[in-house]
N, C-alpha and C. Protein backbone atom coordinates (compact mmCIF):
# COMPACT_ATOMS: atom_id res chain seq x y z
N MET A 1 0.84 -1.16 0.00
CA MET A 1 0.00 0.00 0.00
C MET A 1 0.89 1.23 0.00
N TYR A 2 0.48 2.24 -0.70
CA TYR A 2 1.22 3.49 -0.71
C TYR A 2 0.25 4.61 -0.37
N GLY A 3 0.61 5.44 0.61
CA GLY A 3 -0.26 6.51 1.08
C GLY A 3 -0.38 7.65 0.09
N PHE A 4 -1.53 8.28 0.08
CA PHE A 4 -1.77 9.45 -0.76
C PHE A 4 -1.00 10.65 -0.22
N ASN A 5 -0.81 11.65 -1.05
CA ASN A 5 -0.07 12.84 -0.65
C ASN A 5 -0.91 13.84 0.12
N THR A 6 -2.22 13.86 -0.10
CA THR A 6 -3.06 14.83 0.61
C THR A 6 -3.73 14.17 1.80
N ILE A 7 -3.92 14.94 2.86
CA ILE A 7 -4.53 14.41 4.08
C ILE A 7 -5.97 13.98 3.85
N GLU A 8 -6.69 14.68 2.97
CA GLU A 8 -8.08 14.32 2.69
C GLU A 8 -8.18 12.92 2.08
N LYS A 9 -7.30 12.64 1.11
CA LYS A 9 -7.32 11.32 0.48
C LYS A 9 -6.83 10.25 1.45
N ARG A 10 -5.89 10.59 2.31
CA ARG A 10 -5.42 9.61 3.30
C ARG A 10 -6.54 9.24 4.25
N LYS A 11 -7.28 10.24 4.74
CA LYS A 11 -8.38 9.95 5.67
C LYS A 11 -9.44 9.09 5.01
N SER A 12 -9.74 9.37 3.75
CA SER A 12 -10.70 8.55 3.01
C SER A 12 -10.20 7.11 2.90
N PHE A 13 -8.90 6.95 2.63
CA PHE A 13 -8.32 5.61 2.53
C PHE A 13 -8.42 4.88 3.88
N TRP A 14 -8.09 5.59 4.97
CA TRP A 14 -8.15 4.97 6.29
C TRP A 14 -9.58 4.56 6.64
N ASP A 15 -10.56 5.39 6.27
CA ASP A 15 -11.96 5.03 6.50
C ASP A 15 -12.30 3.76 5.73
N ASN A 16 -11.82 3.66 4.48
CA ASN A 16 -12.05 2.44 3.69
C ASN A 16 -11.37 1.24 4.34
N LEU A 17 -10.17 1.43 4.88
CA LEU A 17 -9.46 0.34 5.55
C LEU A 17 -10.24 -0.16 6.76
N ILE A 18 -10.83 0.76 7.51
CA ILE A 18 -11.65 0.37 8.66
C ILE A 18 -12.86 -0.42 8.19
N GLY A 19 -13.50 0.02 7.11
CA GLY A 19 -14.65 -0.72 6.56
C GLY A 19 -14.27 -2.12 6.11
N ILE A 20 -13.13 -2.24 5.45
CA ILE A 20 -12.65 -3.56 5.00
C ILE A 20 -12.40 -4.46 6.20
N SER A 21 -11.80 -3.91 7.25
CA SER A 21 -11.45 -4.72 8.41
C SER A 21 -12.67 -5.31 9.10
N GLN A 22 -13.79 -4.62 9.02
CA GLN A 22 -15.01 -5.10 9.68
C GLN A 22 -15.60 -6.32 8.99
N GLY A 23 -15.24 -6.53 7.72
CA GLY A 23 -15.74 -7.68 6.98
C GLY A 23 -14.76 -8.84 6.89
N VAL A 24 -13.63 -8.74 7.57
CA VAL A 24 -12.60 -9.77 7.48
C VAL A 24 -12.60 -10.61 8.75
N SER A 25 -12.72 -11.92 8.58
CA SER A 25 -12.69 -12.80 9.75
C SER A 25 -11.42 -13.64 9.81
N GLN A 26 -10.61 -13.58 8.76
CA GLN A 26 -9.36 -14.33 8.69
C GLN A 26 -8.19 -13.40 9.02
N PRO A 27 -7.04 -13.98 9.39
CA PRO A 27 -5.86 -13.15 9.59
C PRO A 27 -5.52 -12.39 8.30
N TRP A 28 -5.04 -11.18 8.45
CA TRP A 28 -4.65 -10.39 7.28
C TRP A 28 -3.49 -9.49 7.64
N ILE A 29 -2.87 -8.95 6.59
CA ILE A 29 -1.67 -8.15 6.77
C ILE A 29 -1.78 -6.90 5.90
N LYS A 30 -1.24 -5.82 6.37
CA LYS A 30 -1.18 -4.56 5.64
C LYS A 30 0.27 -4.13 5.62
N GLU A 31 0.79 -3.79 4.47
CA GLU A 31 2.17 -3.34 4.40
C GLU A 31 2.29 -2.22 3.40
N GLY A 32 3.29 -1.39 3.57
CA GLY A 32 3.54 -0.32 2.61
C GLY A 32 4.08 0.92 3.27
N ASP A 33 4.14 1.99 2.48
CA ASP A 33 4.63 3.26 2.98
C ASP A 33 3.57 3.89 3.86
N SER A 34 3.92 4.15 5.08
CA SER A 34 2.97 4.70 6.04
C SER A 34 3.61 5.84 6.79
N ASN A 35 3.34 7.05 6.36
CA ASN A 35 3.83 8.19 7.11
C ASN A 35 3.05 8.25 8.41
N GLU A 36 3.77 8.11 9.50
CA GLU A 36 3.09 7.99 10.79
C GLU A 36 2.62 9.35 11.27
N ILE A 37 1.31 9.48 11.31
CA ILE A 37 0.69 10.65 11.93
C ILE A 37 -0.43 10.16 12.81
N LYS A 38 -0.97 11.04 13.61
CA LYS A 38 -1.96 10.67 14.62
C LYS A 38 -3.15 9.92 14.02
N ASP A 39 -3.72 10.40 12.92
CA ASP A 39 -4.89 9.75 12.33
C ASP A 39 -4.58 8.33 11.88
N PHE A 40 -3.41 8.11 11.30
CA PHE A 40 -3.04 6.77 10.87
C PHE A 40 -2.90 5.84 12.07
N THR A 41 -2.26 6.33 13.13
CA THR A 41 -2.08 5.53 14.34
C THR A 41 -3.43 5.13 14.91
N GLU A 42 -4.37 6.06 14.93
CA GLU A 42 -5.72 5.76 15.44
C GLU A 42 -6.42 4.73 14.55
N CYS A 43 -6.23 4.82 13.24
CA CYS A 43 -6.83 3.85 12.32
C CYS A 43 -6.30 2.46 12.61
N ILE A 44 -4.99 2.31 12.76
CA ILE A 44 -4.38 1.00 13.04
C ILE A 44 -4.90 0.44 14.36
N GLN A 45 -5.07 1.30 15.36
CA GLN A 45 -5.61 0.85 16.65
C GLN A 45 -7.07 0.43 16.49
N ASP A 46 -7.85 1.18 15.71
CA ASP A 46 -9.27 0.86 15.51
C ASP A 46 -9.46 -0.50 14.85
N ILE A 47 -8.58 -0.84 13.92
CA ILE A 47 -8.74 -2.13 13.22
C ILE A 47 -7.92 -3.23 13.90
N GLN A 48 -7.39 -2.93 15.07
CA GLN A 48 -6.70 -3.90 15.92
C GLN A 48 -5.55 -4.61 15.21
N MET A 49 -4.70 -3.80 14.59
CA MET A 49 -3.51 -4.35 13.96
C MET A 49 -2.29 -3.96 14.78
N HIS A 50 -1.23 -4.75 14.66
CA HIS A 50 0.00 -4.53 15.41
C HIS A 50 1.18 -4.61 14.43
N GLU A 51 2.16 -3.78 14.67
CA GLU A 51 3.31 -3.75 13.78
C GLU A 51 4.20 -4.98 13.99
N LEU A 52 4.61 -5.59 12.88
CA LEU A 52 5.55 -6.70 12.96
C LEU A 52 6.95 -6.16 13.21
N PRO A 53 7.77 -6.91 13.93
CA PRO A 53 9.16 -6.46 14.16
C PRO A 53 9.90 -6.30 12.84
N TRP A 54 10.71 -5.27 12.74
CA TRP A 54 11.48 -4.99 11.53
C TRP A 54 12.89 -5.51 11.72
N ARG A 55 13.40 -6.30 10.81
CA ARG A 55 14.71 -6.93 10.96
C ARG A 55 15.77 -6.34 10.03
N ARG A 56 15.45 -5.33 9.30
CA ARG A 56 16.41 -4.70 8.39
C ARG A 56 16.82 -3.35 8.95
N ASP A 57 17.42 -2.52 8.09
CA ASP A 57 17.78 -1.17 8.52
C ASP A 57 16.55 -0.47 9.07
N TYR A 58 16.72 0.27 10.16
CA TYR A 58 15.59 0.93 10.81
C TYR A 58 14.93 1.93 9.87
N TYR A 59 15.71 2.75 9.20
CA TYR A 59 15.16 3.76 8.29
C TYR A 59 14.94 3.15 6.91
N THR A 60 13.79 3.44 6.31
CA THR A 60 13.45 2.83 5.03
C THR A 60 13.41 3.83 3.88
N TRP A 61 13.67 5.10 4.17
CA TRP A 61 13.65 6.14 3.14
C TRP A 61 14.71 7.17 3.43
N SER A 62 15.26 7.74 2.39
CA SER A 62 16.24 8.83 2.51
C SER A 62 16.05 9.78 1.34
N ASN A 63 16.33 11.06 1.56
CA ASN A 63 16.27 12.02 0.45
C ASN A 63 17.53 11.96 -0.41
N LYS A 64 18.45 11.10 -0.06
CA LYS A 64 19.68 10.82 -0.82
C LYS A 64 20.62 12.03 -0.94
N GLN A 65 20.44 13.00 -0.06
CA GLN A 65 21.38 14.12 -0.03
C GLN A 65 22.54 13.77 0.88
N LEU A 66 23.57 14.59 0.84
CA LEU A 66 24.78 14.31 1.61
C LEU A 66 24.88 15.22 2.83
N GLY A 67 25.65 14.78 3.81
CA GLY A 67 25.97 15.59 4.98
C GLY A 67 24.76 15.97 5.81
N ILE A 68 24.75 17.20 6.29
CA ILE A 68 23.70 17.65 7.20
C ILE A 68 22.35 17.81 6.50
N ASN A 69 22.34 17.77 5.17
CA ASN A 69 21.09 17.89 4.41
C ASN A 69 20.35 16.56 4.25
N ARG A 70 21.01 15.46 4.64
CA ARG A 70 20.39 14.14 4.49
C ARG A 70 19.28 13.98 5.51
N ILE A 71 18.16 13.43 5.05
CA ILE A 71 17.01 13.14 5.91
C ILE A 71 16.71 11.65 5.80
N TYR A 72 16.55 11.01 6.93
CA TYR A 72 16.14 9.61 7.00
C TYR A 72 14.75 9.53 7.62
N SER A 73 13.98 8.56 7.18
CA SER A 73 12.66 8.34 7.77
C SER A 73 12.32 6.87 7.67
N ARG A 74 11.48 6.42 8.54
CA ARG A 74 11.01 5.03 8.51
C ARG A 74 9.55 5.05 8.11
N ILE A 75 9.30 4.85 6.81
CA ILE A 75 7.93 4.92 6.33
C ILE A 75 7.39 3.55 5.90
N TYR A 76 8.25 2.61 5.57
CA TYR A 76 7.78 1.28 5.16
C TYR A 76 7.59 0.43 6.41
N ARG A 77 6.36 0.01 6.62
CA ARG A 77 6.05 -0.76 7.83
C ARG A 77 5.07 -1.87 7.49
N VAL A 78 5.02 -2.91 8.32
CA VAL A 78 4.14 -4.05 8.11
C VAL A 78 3.33 -4.27 9.37
N PHE A 79 2.00 -4.45 9.19
CA PHE A 79 1.09 -4.65 10.31
C PHE A 79 0.30 -5.93 10.11
N ARG A 80 -0.13 -6.51 11.20
CA ARG A 80 -0.96 -7.74 11.16
C ARG A 80 -2.04 -7.64 12.22
N ASN A 81 -3.08 -8.44 12.04
CA ASN A 81 -4.12 -8.48 13.08
C ASN A 81 -3.88 -9.66 13.98
């Protein structure tokens, strides 16, 4: 899964994810780029998913710049119910 760039589309996606979760009775997994913000965290809690342990490099994204301009972030995450 890849998150939308606008907050409005992200919230709509999270609402859809909650709707999907209500119809699922089997184990399932969600993975992809997830910029962690409060609304996303609440969505994951609402659908009772938990993050799987990450065994690779902690940061999954970089702006690929050098020195003090380099930014690292951990946006790729995997969740399960």
